[in-house]
């Protein structure tokens, strides 16, 4: 007869592997449900329809940024310039959104174009210049913020047209920014799973040398990822300007950390090649729920910064543990 240790060890090993697999697949959903349940018990206003709609409104900007930076992280890169690009795009949109000057499509287009140009510049220097994405986007963080301050004269740009301001409002009781996020997320999800370029994004992040050997243009794939990320930051900047009714050159500080944290919490690996839009949205929702709950519990914003920092470090730690 086999000794007890021989018969029980494989079972325990199988059970631990099964539990680990469940946590990897559904850990964020379990965490979201658990935190939601605790907040519902702690404050009666958490589960009200008005508050839940407010949560979705709050995560819409971070969600747009997170969707964009998902593409960059999937290729094994990073973008630290998102917050500054948001500010620049918002200022550009506000400058061209004064009443009676242009059709509303003009400031929207120019704001997104400003973000796209920043993203394309990041991609160009990373791919053609061979500079690490961390350094390139850190430089763009400073440059884009400076351009926003120059364009605005260091002051908020106000007197925006009502047509653009409506972009930050509601339609049929639903926040327009949330509807924009839904359309963008669905389009990005379909793109990643149904197109050749989407599969190339995963291939480049999974093994860049193998992708290059297979005939994939790594340069073009990375250029696409950074450019799209910039465009999403530009769109988020336009939406933010519409919501606060001004183009703020100092807006967006720290937004890049929130977006990257949401993506990593959602299961996208910092090493590239693993992740997706669904997990990114769950990560953004989890962060939004935590922020909203802390607000409802009247937790000081100082402590909220500490909690956010712990979440970011914990997400990166879990990512490294998963890849070991």
C-alpha atoms as a PDB file:
ATOM      1  CA  UNK A   1       0.000   0.000   0.000  1.00  0.00           C
ATOM      2  CA  UNK A   2       1.241   3.543  -0.699  1.00  0.00           C
ATOM      3  CA  UNK A   3       2.103   5.550   2.371  1.00  0.00           C
ATOM      4  CA  UNK A   4      -0.299   8.410   3.289  1.00  0.00           C
ATOM      5  CA  UNK A   5       2.141  11.087   2.204  1.00  0.00           C
ATOM      6  CA  UNK A   6       2.369   9.561  -1.278  1.00  0.00           C
ATOM      7  CA  UNK A   7      -1.405   9.435  -1.719  1.00  0.00           C
ATOM      8  CA  UNK A   8      -2.292  12.820  -0.271  1.00  0.00           C
ATOM      9  CA  UNK A   9       0.496  14.996  -1.663  1.00  0.00           C
ATOM     10  CA  UNK A  10      -0.698  14.891  -5.305  1.00  0.00           C
ATOM     11  CA  UNK A  11      -4.247  15.676  -4.188  1.00  0.00           C
ATOM     12  CA  UNK A  12      -3.081  18.625  -2.129  1.00  0.00           C
ATOM     13  CA  UNK A  13      -0.941  19.767  -5.020  1.00  0.00           C
ATOM     14  CA  UNK A  14      -3.876  19.495  -7.443  1.00  0.00           C
ATOM     15  CA  UNK A  15      -6.116  21.390  -5.009  1.00  0.00           C
ATOM     16  CA  UNK A  16      -3.573  24.191  -4.593  1.00  0.00           C
ATOM     17  CA  UNK A  17      -3.128  24.453  -8.345  1.00  0.00           C
ATOM     18  CA  UNK A  18      -6.892  24.583  -8.833  1.00  0.00           C
ATOM     19  CA  UNK A  19      -7.271  27.301  -6.187  1.00  0.00           C
ATOM     20  CA  UNK A  20      -4.426  29.281  -7.751  1.00  0.00           C
ATOM     21  CA  UNK A  21      -6.019  28.976 -11.185  1.00  0.00           C
ATOM     22  CA  UNK A  22      -9.352  30.226  -9.834  1.00  0.00           C
ATOM     23  CA  UNK A  23      -7.665  33.206  -8.181  1.00  0.00           C
ATOM     24  CA  UNK A  24      -5.789  34.036 -11.378  1.00  0.00           C
ATOM     25  CA  UNK A  25      -8.927  33.856 -13.499  1.00  0.00           C
ATOM     26  CA  UNK A  26     -11.499  35.378 -11.178  1.00  0.00           C
ATOM     27  CA  UNK A  27      -9.500  37.091  -8.441  1.00  0.00           C
ATOM     28  CA  UNK A  28     -10.403  40.608  -9.534  1.00  0.00           C
ATOM     29  CA  UNK A  29     -14.106  39.725  -9.745  1.00  0.00           C
ATOM     30  CA  UNK A  30     -13.983  38.180  -6.275  1.00  0.00           C
ATOM     31  CA  UNK A  31     -12.197  41.270  -4.939  1.00  0.00           C
ATOM     32  CA  UNK A  32     -14.726  43.582  -6.610  1.00  0.00           C
ATOM     33  CA  UNK A  33     -17.694  41.695  -5.148  1.00  0.00           C
ATOM     34  CA  UNK A  34     -16.104  41.499  -1.694  1.00  0.00           C
ATOM     35  CA  UNK A  35     -15.211  45.195  -1.567  1.00  0.00           C
ATOM     36  CA  UNK A  36     -18.627  46.143  -2.933  1.00  0.00           C
ATOM     37  CA  UNK A  37     -20.334  44.052  -0.245  1.00  0.00           C
ATOM     38  CA  UNK A  38     -18.248  45.641   2.533  1.00  0.00           C
ATOM     39  CA  UNK A  39     -18.982  49.150   1.258  1.00  0.00           C
ATOM     40  CA  UNK A  40     -22.691  48.369   0.945  1.00  0.00           C
ATOM     41  CA  UNK A  41     -22.698  47.263   4.584  1.00  0.00           C
ATOM     42  CA  UNK A  42     -20.655  50.259   5.711  1.00  0.00           C
ATOM     43  CA  UNK A  43     -22.644  52.973   3.926  1.00  0.00           C
ATOM     44  CA  UNK A  44     -26.265  52.734   2.748  1.00  0.00           C
ATOM     45  CA  UNK A  45     -25.753  55.149  -0.137  1.00  0.00           C
ATOM     46  CA  UNK A  46     -23.196  52.988  -1.955  1.00  0.00           C
ATOM     47  CA  UNK A  47     -25.707  50.802  -3.812  1.00  0.00           C
ATOM     48  CA  UNK A  48     -28.069  53.612  -4.780  1.00  0.00           C
ATOM     49  CA  UNK A  49     -28.593  54.136  -8.498  1.00  0.00           C
ATOM     50  CA  UNK A  50     -27.310  57.700  -8.330  1.00  0.00           C
ATOM     51  CA  UNK A  51     -24.053  56.637  -6.689  1.00  0.00           C
ATOM     52  CA  UNK A  52     -23.469  53.708  -9.049  1.00  0.00           C
ATOM     53  CA  UNK A  53     -23.932  56.024 -12.026  1.00  0.00           C
ATOM     54  CA  UNK A  54     -21.515  58.423 -10.345  1.00  0.00           C
ATOM     55  CA  UNK A  55     -18.954  55.604 -10.042  1.00  0.00           C
ATOM     56  CA  UNK A  56     -19.165  54.878 -13.762  1.00  0.00           C
ATOM     57  CA  UNK A  57     -18.810  58.591 -14.508  1.00  0.00           C
ATOM     58  CA  UNK A  58     -15.726  58.786 -12.299  1.00  0.00           C
ATOM     59  CA  UNK A  59     -14.001  55.837 -13.980  1.00  0.00           C
ATOM     60  CA  UNK A  60     -14.755  56.948 -17.548  1.00  0.00           C
ATOM     61  CA  UNK A  61     -11.589  59.046 -17.949  1.00  0.00           C
ATOM     62  CA  UNK A  62      -9.337  56.483 -16.294  1.00  0.00           C
ATOM     63  CA  UNK A  63     -10.998  53.813 -18.403  1.00  0.00           C
ATOM     64  CA  UNK A  64     -10.199  55.615 -21.651  1.00  0.00           C
ATOM     65  CA  UNK A  65      -6.571  56.049 -20.612  1.00  0.00           C
ATOM     66  CA  UNK A  66      -6.373  52.445 -19.420  1.00  0.00           C
ATOM     67  CA  UNK A  67      -7.714  51.082 -22.710  1.00  0.00           C
ATOM     68  CA  UNK A  68      -5.063  53.031 -24.592  1.00  0.00           C
ATOM     69  CA  UNK A  69      -2.140  52.083 -22.363  1.00  0.00           C
ATOM     70  CA  UNK A  70      -3.219  48.429 -22.487  1.00  0.00           C
ATOM     71  CA  UNK A  71      -1.928  48.308 -26.057  1.00  0.00           C
ATOM     72  CA  UNK A  72       1.426  49.747 -24.997  1.00  0.00           C
ATOM     73  CA  UNK A  73       1.804  47.377 -22.050  1.00  0.00           C
ATOM     74  CA  UNK A  74       0.883  44.412 -24.244  1.00  0.00           C
ATOM     75  CA  UNK A  75       3.893  45.233 -26.439  1.00  0.00           C
ATOM     76  CA  UNK A  76       6.143  45.302 -23.369  1.00  0.00           C
ATOM     77  CA  UNK A  77       6.393  49.101 -23.128  1.00  0.00           C
ATOM     78  CA  UNK A  78       5.039  51.768 -20.815  1.00  0.00           C
ATOM     79  CA  UNK A  79       3.652  55.298 -21.180  1.00  0.00           C
ATOM     80  CA  UNK A  80       4.163  57.772 -18.347  1.00  0.00           C
ATOM     81  CA  UNK A  81       3.061  60.836 -20.308  1.00  0.00           C
ATOM     82  CA  UNK A  82      -0.694  60.221 -20.188  1.00  0.00           C
ATOM     83  CA  UNK A  83      -1.612  62.855 -17.594  1.00  0.00           C
ATOM     84  CA  UNK A  84       0.322  65.627 -19.324  1.00  0.00           C
ATOM     85  CA  UNK A  85      -1.099  64.669 -22.723  1.00  0.00           C
ATOM     86  CA  UNK A  86      -4.599  64.863 -21.216  1.00  0.00           C
ATOM     87  CA  UNK A  87      -3.873  68.417 -20.080  1.00  0.00           C
ATOM     88  CA  UNK A  88      -2.444  69.431 -23.477  1.00  0.00           C
ATOM     89  CA  UNK A  89      -5.379  67.960 -25.399  1.00  0.00           C
ATOM     90  CA  UNK A  90      -7.873  69.664 -23.097  1.00  0.00           C
ATOM     91  CA  UNK A  91      -6.171  73.028 -23.533  1.00  0.00           C
ATOM     92  CA  UNK A  92      -6.035  72.650 -27.327  1.00  0.00           C
ATOM     93  CA  UNK A  93      -9.712  71.702 -27.470  1.00  0.00           C
ATOM     94  CA  UNK A  94     -10.717  74.601 -25.206  1.00  0.00           C
ATOM     95  CA  UNK A  95      -8.742  77.147 -27.276  1.00  0.00           C
ATOM     96  CA  UNK A  96     -10.720  76.227 -30.393  1.00  0.00           C
ATOM     97  CA  UNK A  97     -14.062  75.800 -28.625  1.00  0.00           C
ATOM     98  CA  UNK A  98     -15.053  79.421 -28.026  1.00  0.00           C
ATOM     99  CA  UNK A  99     -18.703  80.082 -28.918  1.00  0.00           C
ATOM    100  CA  UNK A 100     -19.349  80.984 -32.550  1.00  0.00           C
ATOM    101  CA  UNK A 101     -15.805  80.313 -33.795  1.00  0.00           C
ATOM    102  CA  UNK A 102     -15.837  76.704 -34.976  1.00  0.00           C
ATOM    103  CA  UNK A 103     -18.130  73.715 -35.302  1.00  0.00           C
ATOM    104  CA  UNK A 104     -17.901  71.437 -32.250  1.00  0.00           C
ATOM    105  CA  UNK A 105     -16.153  68.739 -34.270  1.00  0.00           C
ATOM    106  CA  UNK A 106     -13.112  71.008 -34.766  1.00  0.00           C
ATOM    107  CA  UNK A 107     -11.983  71.252 -31.094  1.00  0.00           C
ATOM    108  CA  UNK A 108     -12.721  67.552 -30.588  1.00  0.00           C
ATOM    109  CA  UNK A 109     -10.631  66.616 -33.616  1.00  0.00           C
ATOM    110  CA  UNK A 110      -7.763  68.952 -32.711  1.00  0.00           C
ATOM    111  CA  UNK A 111      -7.679  67.743 -29.103  1.00  0.00           C
ATOM    112  CA  UNK A 112      -7.484  64.107 -30.194  1.00  0.00           C
ATOM    113  CA  UNK A 113      -4.929  65.078 -32.850  1.00  0.00           C
ATOM    114  CA  UNK A 114      -2.716  66.683 -30.199  1.00  0.00           C
ATOM    115  CA  UNK A 115      -2.761  63.479 -28.178  1.00  0.00           C
ATOM    116  CA  UNK A 116      -2.148  61.373 -31.277  1.00  0.00           C
ATOM    117  CA  UNK A 117       0.880  63.502 -32.187  1.00  0.00           C
ATOM    118  CA  UNK A 118       2.353  63.016 -28.705  1.00  0.00           C
ATOM    119  CA  UNK A 119       1.792  59.270 -28.884  1.00  0.00           C
ATOM    120  CA  UNK A 120       3.305  59.033 -32.371  1.00  0.00           C
ATOM    121  CA  UNK A 121       6.338  60.991 -31.177  1.00  0.00           C
ATOM    122  CA  UNK A 122       6.773  58.564 -28.284  1.00  0.00           C
ATOM    123  CA  UNK A 123       6.533  55.618 -30.641  1.00  0.00           C
ATOM    124  CA  UNK A 124       8.963  57.133 -33.133  1.00  0.00           C
ATOM    125  CA  UNK A 125      11.675  57.778 -30.535  1.00  0.00           C
ATOM    126  CA  UNK A 126      11.187  54.340 -28.945  1.00  0.00           C
ATOM    127  CA  UNK A 127      11.315  52.420 -32.229  1.00  0.00           C
ATOM    128  CA  UNK A 128      13.677  54.503 -34.363  1.00  0.00           C
ATOM    129  CA  UNK A 129      15.788  56.039 -31.629  1.00  0.00           C
ATOM    130  CA  UNK A 130      16.107  52.883 -29.568  1.00  0.00           C
ATOM    131  CA  UNK A 131      15.468  54.766 -26.330  1.00  0.00           C
ATOM    132  CA  UNK A 132      13.694  52.946 -23.490  1.00  0.00           C
ATOM    133  CA  UNK A 133       9.979  53.727 -23.336  1.00  0.00           C
ATOM    134  CA  UNK A 134      10.297  54.720 -19.667  1.00  0.00           C
ATOM    135  CA  UNK A 135      12.732  57.505 -20.551  1.00  0.00           C
ATOM    136  CA  UNK A 136      10.925  58.637 -23.703  1.00  0.00           C
ATOM    137  CA  UNK A 137       7.520  58.948 -22.082  1.00  0.00           C
ATOM    138  CA  UNK A 138       9.002  60.544 -18.978  1.00  0.00           C
ATOM    139  CA  UNK A 139      10.426  63.227 -21.253  1.00  0.00           C
ATOM    140  CA  UNK A 140       7.072  63.599 -23.004  1.00  0.00           C
ATOM    141  CA  UNK A 141       5.437  64.006 -19.600  1.00  0.00           C
ATOM    142  CA  UNK A 142       7.466  67.140 -19.046  1.00  0.00           C
ATOM    143  CA  UNK A 143       7.280  68.397 -22.643  1.00  0.00           C
ATOM    144  CA  UNK A 144       3.505  68.016 -23.012  1.00  0.00           C
ATOM    145  CA  UNK A 145       2.905  69.755 -19.675  1.00  0.00           C
ATOM    146  CA  UNK A 146       5.130  72.610 -20.791  1.00  0.00           C
ATOM    147  CA  UNK A 147       3.294  72.900 -24.113  1.00  0.00           C
ATOM    148  CA  UNK A 148      -0.031  73.008 -22.255  1.00  0.00           C
ATOM    149  CA  UNK A 149       1.245  75.835 -20.065  1.00  0.00           C
ATOM    150  CA  UNK A 150       2.640  77.705 -23.062  1.00  0.00           C
ATOM    151  CA  UNK A 151      -0.546  77.366 -25.111  1.00  0.00           C
ATOM    152  CA  UNK A 152      -2.749  78.500 -22.226  1.00  0.00           C
ATOM    153  CA  UNK A 153      -0.423  81.170 -20.876  1.00  0.00           C
ATOM    154  CA  UNK A 154      -0.380  79.287 -17.598  1.00  0.00           C
ATOM    155  CA  UNK A 155      -4.094  79.998 -17.010  1.00  0.00           C
ATOM    156  CA  UNK A 156      -7.265  77.927 -17.469  1.00  0.00           C
ATOM    157  CA  UNK A 157      -8.875  78.357 -20.888  1.00  0.00           C
ATOM    158  CA  UNK A 158     -12.560  79.114 -20.344  1.00  0.00           C
ATOM    159  CA  UNK A 159     -15.540  80.399 -22.373  1.00  0.00           C
ATOM    160  CA  UNK A 160     -16.144  77.071 -24.099  1.00  0.00           C
ATOM    161  CA  UNK A 161     -19.104  76.477 -26.374  1.00  0.00           C
ATOM    162  CA  UNK A 162     -22.176  74.765 -24.877  1.00  0.00           C
ATOM    163  CA  UNK A 163     -21.974  72.135 -27.629  1.00  0.00           C
ATOM    164  CA  UNK A 164     -18.604  70.881 -26.390  1.00  0.00           C
ATOM    165  CA  UNK A 165     -19.610  71.147 -22.732  1.00  0.00           C
ATOM    166  CA  UNK A 166     -22.531  68.799 -23.457  1.00  0.00           C
ATOM    167  CA  UNK A 167     -19.962  66.089 -24.179  1.00  0.00           C
ATOM    168  CA  UNK A 168     -19.375  65.837 -20.450  1.00  0.00           C
ATOM    169  CA  UNK A 169     -23.087  65.692 -19.597  1.00  0.00           C
ATOM    170  CA  UNK A 170     -25.828  63.052 -19.754  1.00  0.00           C
ATOM    171  CA  UNK A 171     -28.114  61.653 -22.399  1.00  0.00           C
ATOM    172  CA  UNK A 172     -31.245  59.676 -21.454  1.00  0.00           C
ATOM    173  CA  UNK A 173     -29.961  59.598 -17.878  1.00  0.00           C
ATOM    174  CA  UNK A 174     -26.619  58.046 -18.820  1.00  0.00           C
ATOM    175  CA  UNK A 175     -23.293  59.895 -18.681  1.00  0.00           C
ATOM    176  CA  UNK A 176     -21.985  60.545 -22.188  1.00  0.00           C
ATOM    177  CA  UNK A 177     -18.359  59.855 -21.099  1.00  0.00           C
ATOM    178  CA  UNK A 178     -19.462  56.374 -20.005  1.00  0.00           C
ATOM    179  CA  UNK A 179     -21.097  55.741 -23.382  1.00  0.00           C
ATOM    180  CA  UNK A 180     -17.891  56.885 -25.093  1.00  0.00           C
ATOM    181  CA  UNK A 181     -15.888  54.490 -22.919  1.00  0.00           C
ATOM    182  CA  UNK A 182     -18.272  51.645 -23.779  1.00  0.00           C
ATOM    183  CA  UNK A 183     -17.910  52.225 -27.527  1.00  0.00           C
ATOM    184  CA  UNK A 184     -14.117  52.588 -27.313  1.00  0.00           C
ATOM    185  CA  UNK A 185     -13.737  49.494 -25.127  1.00  0.00           C
ATOM    186  CA  UNK A 186     -15.913  47.326 -27.356  1.00  0.00           C
ATOM    187  CA  UNK A 187     -14.038  48.469 -30.451  1.00  0.00           C
ATOM    188  CA  UNK A 188     -10.643  47.813 -28.797  1.00  0.00           C
ATOM    189  CA  UNK A 189     -11.732  44.376 -27.596  1.00  0.00           C
ATOM    190  CA  UNK A 190     -12.985  43.352 -31.025  1.00  0.00           C
ATOM    191  CA  UNK A 191      -9.821  44.714 -32.614  1.00  0.00           C
ATOM    192  CA  UNK A 192      -7.488  42.738 -30.371  1.00  0.00           C
ATOM    193  CA  UNK A 193      -9.249  39.406 -30.813  1.00  0.00           C
ATOM    194  CA  UNK A 194     -10.386  39.627 -34.437  1.00  0.00           C
ATOM    195  CA  UNK A 195      -7.683  41.417 -36.416  1.00  0.00           C
ATOM    196  CA  UNK A 196      -4.216  40.432 -37.555  1.00  0.00           C
ATOM    197  CA  UNK A 197      -2.682  43.587 -36.111  1.00  0.00           C
ATOM    198  CA  UNK A 198      -4.314  42.817 -32.774  1.00  0.00           C
ATOM    199  CA  UNK A 199      -2.670  39.389 -32.720  1.00  0.00           C
ATOM    200  CA  UNK A 200       0.622  41.002 -33.694  1.00  0.00           C
ATOM    201  CA  UNK A 201       0.401  43.216 -30.592  1.00  0.00           C
ATOM    202  CA  UNK A 202       0.323  40.101 -28.414  1.00  0.00           C
ATOM    203  CA  UNK A 203       3.081  38.458 -30.448  1.00  0.00           C
ATOM    204  CA  UNK A 204       5.451  41.412 -30.088  1.00  0.00           C
ATOM    205  CA  UNK A 205       4.897  41.573 -26.341  1.00  0.00           C
ATOM    206  CA  UNK A 206       5.214  37.818 -25.921  1.00  0.00           C
ATOM    207  CA  UNK A 207       8.542  37.469 -27.723  1.00  0.00           C
ATOM    208  CA  UNK A 208       9.828  40.358 -29.795  1.00  0.00           C
ATOM    209  CA  UNK A 209      12.638  38.380 -31.435  1.00  0.00           C
ATOM    210  CA  UNK A 210      10.322  35.539 -32.397  1.00  0.00           C
ATOM    211  CA  UNK A 211       7.804  38.020 -33.787  1.00  0.00           C
ATOM    212  CA  UNK A 212      10.512  39.648 -35.873  1.00  0.00           C
ATOM    213  CA  UNK A 213      11.684  36.251 -37.125  1.00  0.00           C
ATOM    214  CA  UNK A 214       8.106  35.442 -38.126  1.00  0.00           C
ATOM    215  CA  UNK A 215       8.049  38.475 -40.415  1.00  0.00           C
ATOM    216  CA  UNK A 216       6.108  40.828 -38.135  1.00  0.00           C
ATOM    217  CA  UNK A 217       7.135  44.485 -38.361  1.00  0.00           C
ATOM    218  CA  UNK A 218       7.827  45.141 -34.689  1.00  0.00           C
ATOM    219  CA  UNK A 219       8.453  48.819 -35.411  1.00  0.00           C
ATOM    220  CA  UNK A 220       5.034  49.322 -37.006  1.00  0.00           C
ATOM    221  CA  UNK A 221       3.238  47.418 -34.245  1.00  0.00           C
ATOM    222  CA  UNK A 222       4.863  49.511 -31.521  1.00  0.00           C
ATOM    223  CA  UNK A 223       4.244  52.719 -33.441  1.00  0.00           C
ATOM    224  CA  UNK A 224       0.574  51.771 -33.676  1.00  0.00           C
ATOM    225  CA  UNK A 225       0.359  51.007 -29.940  1.00  0.00           C
ATOM    226  CA  UNK A 226       1.918  54.289 -28.810  1.00  0.00           C
ATOM    227  CA  UNK A 227      -0.036  56.342 -31.335  1.00  0.00           C
ATOM    228  CA  UNK A 228      -3.334  54.770 -30.269  1.00  0.00           C
ATOM    229  CA  UNK A 229      -2.441  55.334 -26.617  1.00  0.00           C
ATOM    230  CA  UNK A 230      -1.833  59.019 -27.363  1.00  0.00           C
ATOM    231  CA  UNK A 231      -5.139  59.276 -29.231  1.00  0.00           C
ATOM    232  CA  UNK A 232      -6.991  57.818 -26.231  1.00  0.00           C
ATOM    233  CA  UNK A 233      -5.264  60.335 -23.960  1.00  0.00           C
ATOM    234  CA  UNK A 234      -6.313  63.080 -26.371  1.00  0.00           C
ATOM    235  CA  UNK A 235      -9.930  61.892 -26.273  1.00  0.00           C
ATOM    236  CA  UNK A 236      -9.809  61.735 -22.475  1.00  0.00           C
ATOM    237  CA  UNK A 237      -8.450  65.296 -22.419  1.00  0.00           C
ATOM    238  CA  UNK A 238     -11.327  66.560 -24.550  1.00  0.00           C
ATOM    239  CA  UNK A 239     -13.879  64.786 -22.343  1.00  0.00           C
ATOM    240  CA  UNK A 240     -12.243  66.158 -19.191  1.00  0.00           C
ATOM    241  CA  UNK A 241     -12.314  69.704 -20.574  1.00  0.00           C
ATOM    242  CA  UNK A 242     -16.011  69.260 -21.369  1.00  0.00           C
ATOM    243  CA  UNK A 243     -16.722  67.986 -17.856  1.00  0.00           C
ATOM    244  CA  UNK A 244     -14.939  70.794 -15.999  1.00  0.00           C
ATOM    245  CA  UNK A 245     -15.886  73.401 -18.677  1.00  0.00           C
ATOM    246  CA  UNK A 246     -12.282  74.653 -18.959  1.00  0.00           C
ATOM    247  CA  UNK A 247      -8.982  73.588 -20.435  1.00  0.00           C
ATOM    248  CA  UNK A 248      -6.737  73.204 -17.383  1.00  0.00           C
ATOM    249  CA  UNK A 249      -2.983  73.109 -18.102  1.00  0.00           C
ATOM    250  CA  UNK A 250      -2.415  71.550 -14.675  1.00  0.00           C
ATOM    251  CA  UNK A 251      -5.030  68.822 -15.133  1.00  0.00           C
ATOM    252  CA  UNK A 252      -4.249  65.127 -15.274  1.00  0.00           C
ATOM    253  CA  UNK A 253      -1.513  64.975 -12.643  1.00  0.00           C
ATOM    254  CA  UNK A 254      -1.075  61.335 -11.626  1.00  0.00           C
ATOM    255  CA  UNK A 255      -3.544  60.022 -14.207  1.00  0.00           C
ATOM    256  CA  UNK A 256      -0.882  57.807 -15.785  1.00  0.00           C
ATOM    257  CA  UNK A 257      -0.364  55.914 -12.524  1.00  0.00           C
ATOM    258  CA  UNK A 258      -4.090  55.297 -12.115  1.00  0.00           C
ATOM    259  CA  UNK A 259      -4.369  54.015 -15.678  1.00  0.00           C
ATOM    260  CA  UNK A 260      -1.342  51.713 -15.466  1.00  0.00           C
ATOM    261  CA  UNK A 261      -2.516  50.413 -12.093  1.00  0.00           C
ATOM    262  CA  UNK A 262      -5.958  49.616 -13.524  1.00  0.00           C
ATOM    263  CA  UNK A 263      -4.412  47.717 -16.434  1.00  0.00           C
ATOM    264  CA  UNK A 264      -2.030  45.690 -14.243  1.00  0.00           C
ATOM    265  CA  UNK A 265      -4.749  44.948 -11.688  1.00  0.00           C
ATOM    266  CA  UNK A 266      -6.852  43.729 -14.613  1.00  0.00           C
ATOM    267  CA  UNK A 267      -4.274  41.077 -15.459  1.00  0.00           C
ATOM    268  CA  UNK A 268      -2.122  42.669 -18.151  1.00  0.00           C
ATOM    269  CA  UNK A 269       1.505  41.750 -17.600  1.00  0.00           C
ATOM    270  CA  UNK A 270       4.159  44.449 -17.405  1.00  0.00           C
ATOM    271  CA  UNK A 271       6.347  42.072 -19.389  1.00  0.00           C
ATOM    272  CA  UNK A 272       3.903  42.183 -22.310  1.00  0.00           C
ATOM    273  CA  UNK A 273       1.949  39.607 -24.278  1.00  0.00           C
ATOM    274  CA  UNK A 274      -0.698  38.826 -21.648  1.00  0.00           C
ATOM    275  CA  UNK A 275      -3.903  40.714 -20.858  1.00  0.00           C
ATOM    276  CA  UNK A 276      -6.952  42.234 -22.470  1.00  0.00           C
ATOM    277  CA  UNK A 277      -9.569  44.960 -22.459  1.00  0.00           C
ATOM    278  CA  UNK A 278     -12.053  43.098 -20.246  1.00  0.00           C
ATOM    279  CA  UNK A 279      -9.571  42.849 -17.392  1.00  0.00           C
ATOM    280  CA  UNK A 280      -8.575  46.480 -17.884  1.00  0.00           C
ATOM    281  CA  UNK A 281     -12.173  47.633 -17.418  1.00  0.00           C
ATOM    282  CA  UNK A 282     -12.552  45.487 -14.304  1.00  0.00           C
ATOM    283  CA  UNK A 283      -9.347  46.995 -12.937  1.00  0.00           C
ATOM    284  CA  UNK A 284     -10.588  50.523 -13.604  1.00  0.00           C
ATOM    285  CA  UNK A 285     -13.932  49.654 -12.001  1.00  0.00           C
ATOM    286  CA  UNK A 286     -12.224  48.211  -8.919  1.00  0.00           C
ATOM    287  CA  UNK A 287     -10.153  51.350  -8.450  1.00  0.00           C
ATOM    288  CA  UNK A 288     -13.231  53.511  -8.993  1.00  0.00           C
ATOM    289  CA  UNK A 289     -15.230  51.558  -6.418  1.00  0.00           C
ATOM    290  CA  UNK A 290     -12.422  51.875  -3.862  1.00  0.00           C
ATOM    291  CA  UNK A 291     -12.065  55.621  -4.444  1.00  0.00           C
ATOM    292  CA  UNK A 292     -15.822  56.132  -4.254  1.00  0.00           C
ATOM    293  CA  UNK A 293     -16.104  54.064  -1.099  1.00  0.00           C
ATOM    294  CA  UNK A 294     -13.336  56.006   0.609  1.00  0.00           C
ATOM    295  CA  UNK A 295     -15.091  59.248  -0.315  1.00  0.00           C
ATOM    296  CA  UNK A 296     -18.394  57.994   1.110  1.00  0.00           C
ATOM    297  CA  UNK A 297     -16.618  56.977   4.301  1.00  0.00           C
ATOM    298  CA  UNK A 298     -15.098  60.483   4.529  1.00  0.00           C
ATOM    299  CA  UNK A 299     -11.552  59.164   4.435  1.00  0.00           C
ATOM    300  CA  UNK A 300      -9.031  61.968   4.013  1.00  0.00           C
ATOM    301  CA  UNK A 301      -7.594  62.410   0.525  1.00  0.00           C
ATOM    302  CA  UNK A 302      -4.150  62.084   2.108  1.00  0.00           C
ATOM    303  CA  UNK A 303      -4.924  58.544   3.229  1.00  0.00           C
ATOM    304  CA  UNK A 304      -6.493  57.814  -0.151  1.00  0.00           C
ATOM    305  CA  UNK A 305      -3.131  58.536  -1.767  1.00  0.00           C
ATOM    306  CA  UNK A 306      -1.539  55.992   0.579  1.00  0.00           C
ATOM    307  CA  UNK A 307      -4.149  53.380  -0.330  1.00  0.00           C
ATOM    308  CA  UNK A 308      -3.638  54.041  -4.033  1.00  0.00           C
ATOM    309  CA  UNK A 309       0.118  53.624  -3.648  1.00  0.00           C
ATOM    310  CA  UNK A 310      -0.325  50.312  -1.849  1.00  0.00           C
ATOM    311  CA  UNK A 311      -2.654  49.108  -4.614  1.00  0.00           C
ATOM    312  CA  UNK A 312      -0.130  49.987  -7.324  1.00  0.00           C
ATOM    313  CA  UNK A 313       2.750  48.240  -5.554  1.00  0.00           C
ATOM    314  CA  UNK A 314       0.563  45.232  -4.759  1.00  0.00           C
ATOM    315  CA  UNK A 315      -0.553  44.939  -8.393  1.00  0.00           C
ATOM    316  CA  UNK A 316       3.040  44.963  -9.642  1.00  0.00           C
ATOM    317  CA  UNK A 317       4.055  42.436  -6.981  1.00  0.00           C
ATOM    318  CA  UNK A 318       1.248  40.078  -8.009  1.00  0.00           C
ATOM    319  CA  UNK A 319       2.248  40.490 -11.651  1.00  0.00           C
ATOM    320  CA  UNK A 320       5.830  39.471 -10.853  1.00  0.00           C
ATOM    321  CA  UNK A 321       4.641  36.513  -8.764  1.00  0.00           C
ATOM    322  CA  UNK A 322       2.420  35.379 -11.623  1.00  0.00           C
ATOM    323  CA  UNK A 323       5.331  35.468 -14.090  1.00  0.00           C
ATOM    324  CA  UNK A 324       7.786  33.566 -11.865  1.00  0.00           C
END
